[in-house]
Amino acid sequence: MDDILNIKKSDMKKMSFNKLVENLESINEYFQSTQELDIEKGLELYKKSLDFIVIAKEKLTNLEEEKRKIDEIYDNLFNDKNT
């Protein structure tokens, strides 16, 4: 988990959406599998997971917008052929 805790926000922003989710899953597995939780480490991981979630949400929003633009271009091309 130390490797995840050492990831900077600037590095998170460079990660793919899938990699962000993978890191979130690793944090979740840590919480699910740890018998005796180190409260300080747990709190740091919890804060880090919020950073991953915020950045993943931003990426997802951007991907949805990109898809919407591509769909719009496709629709315009398709509709132009029928006129």
Protein backbone atom coordinates (compact mmCIF):
# COMPACT_ATOMS: atom_id res chain seq x y z
CA MET A 1 0.00 0.00 0.00
CA ASP A 2 2.94 2.33 0.48
CA ASP A 3 3.37 2.51 -3.29
CA ILE A 4 -0.22 3.73 -3.65
CA LEU A 5 0.21 6.23 -0.82
CA ASN A 6 3.24 7.68 -2.61
CA ILE A 7 1.34 8.42 -5.83
CA LYS A 8 1.04 12.16 -6.38
CA LYS A 9 -2.09 13.81 -7.77
CA SER A 10 -0.12 14.93 -10.82
CA ASP A 11 0.78 11.29 -11.51
CA MET A 12 -2.82 10.21 -10.95
CA LYS A 13 -3.96 12.63 -13.63
CA LYS A 14 -1.65 10.87 -16.11
CA MET A 15 -3.14 7.44 -15.33
CA SER A 16 -5.78 5.80 -17.44
CA PHE A 17 -9.28 5.45 -16.05
CA ASN A 18 -8.71 1.70 -15.71
CA LYS A 19 -5.50 2.19 -13.73
CA LEU A 20 -7.27 4.57 -11.35
CA VAL A 21 -10.00 1.98 -10.77
CA GLU A 22 -7.36 -0.72 -10.30
CA ASN A 23 -5.75 1.32 -7.53
CA LEU A 24 -9.14 1.87 -5.89
CA GLU A 25 -9.75 -1.86 -5.99
CA SER A 26 -6.39 -2.46 -4.33
CA ILE A 27 -7.29 -0.07 -1.53
CA ASN A 28 -10.65 -1.78 -1.12
CA GLU A 29 -8.97 -5.20 -0.94
CA TYR A 30 -6.62 -3.85 1.75
CA PHE A 31 -9.54 -2.75 3.91
CA GLN A 32 -11.43 -6.01 3.32
CA SER A 33 -8.49 -8.31 4.05
CA THR A 34 -6.72 -6.55 6.92
CA GLN A 35 -7.49 -8.09 10.29
CA GLU A 36 -5.83 -5.42 12.43
CA LEU A 37 -6.15 -2.08 10.71
CA ASP A 38 -3.44 0.52 11.22
CA ILE A 39 -5.73 3.50 11.79
CA GLU A 40 -3.25 6.13 10.54
CA LYS A 41 -2.50 4.18 7.38
CA GLY A 42 -6.20 3.46 6.91
CA LEU A 43 -7.03 7.16 7.12
CA GLU A 44 -4.30 8.03 4.62
CA LEU A 45 -5.60 5.37 2.23
CA TYR A 46 -9.13 6.66 2.67
CA LYS A 47 -7.99 10.18 1.74
CA LYS A 48 -5.99 8.84 -1.19
CA SER A 49 -9.00 6.88 -2.43
CA LEU A 50 -10.99 10.13 -2.57
CA ASP A 51 -8.28 11.62 -4.78
CA PHE A 52 -8.53 8.60 -7.09
CA ILE A 53 -12.32 8.90 -7.19
CA VAL A 54 -12.30 12.62 -8.01
CA ILE A 55 -9.77 12.19 -10.81
CA ALA A 56 -11.52 9.08 -12.18
CA LYS A 57 -14.83 10.97 -12.21
CA GLU A 58 -13.19 13.84 -14.13
CA LYS A 59 -11.73 11.40 -16.64
CA LEU A 60 -15.07 9.63 -17.05
CA THR A 61 -16.82 12.96 -17.63
CA ASN A 62 -14.23 13.87 -20.27
CA LEU A 63 -14.58 10.48 -21.96
CA GLU A 64 -18.37 10.82 -22.03
CA GLU A 65 -18.06 14.28 -23.58
CA GLU A 66 -15.61 12.98 -26.18
CA LYS A 67 -18.00 10.15 -27.07
CA ARG A 68 -20.90 12.60 -27.33
CA LYS A 69 -18.89 14.71 -29.79
CA ILE A 70 -17.95 11.67 -31.85
CA ASP A 71 -21.60 10.54 -31.91
CA GLU A 72 -22.64 14.02 -33.02
CA ILE A 73 -20.12 13.97 -35.89
CA TYR A 74 -21.30 10.51 -36.89
CA ASP A 75 -24.96 11.58 -36.79
CA ASN A 76 -24.20 14.65 -38.92
CA LEU A 77 -22.38 12.53 -41.50
CA PHE A 78 -25.16 9.96 -41.58
CA ASN A 79 -27.91 12.55 -41.85
CA ASP A 80 -26.04 14.43 -44.62
CA LYS A 81 -25.98 11.27 -46.75
CA ASN A 82 -29.75 10.91 -46.56
CA THR A 83 -30.55 14.42 -47.73
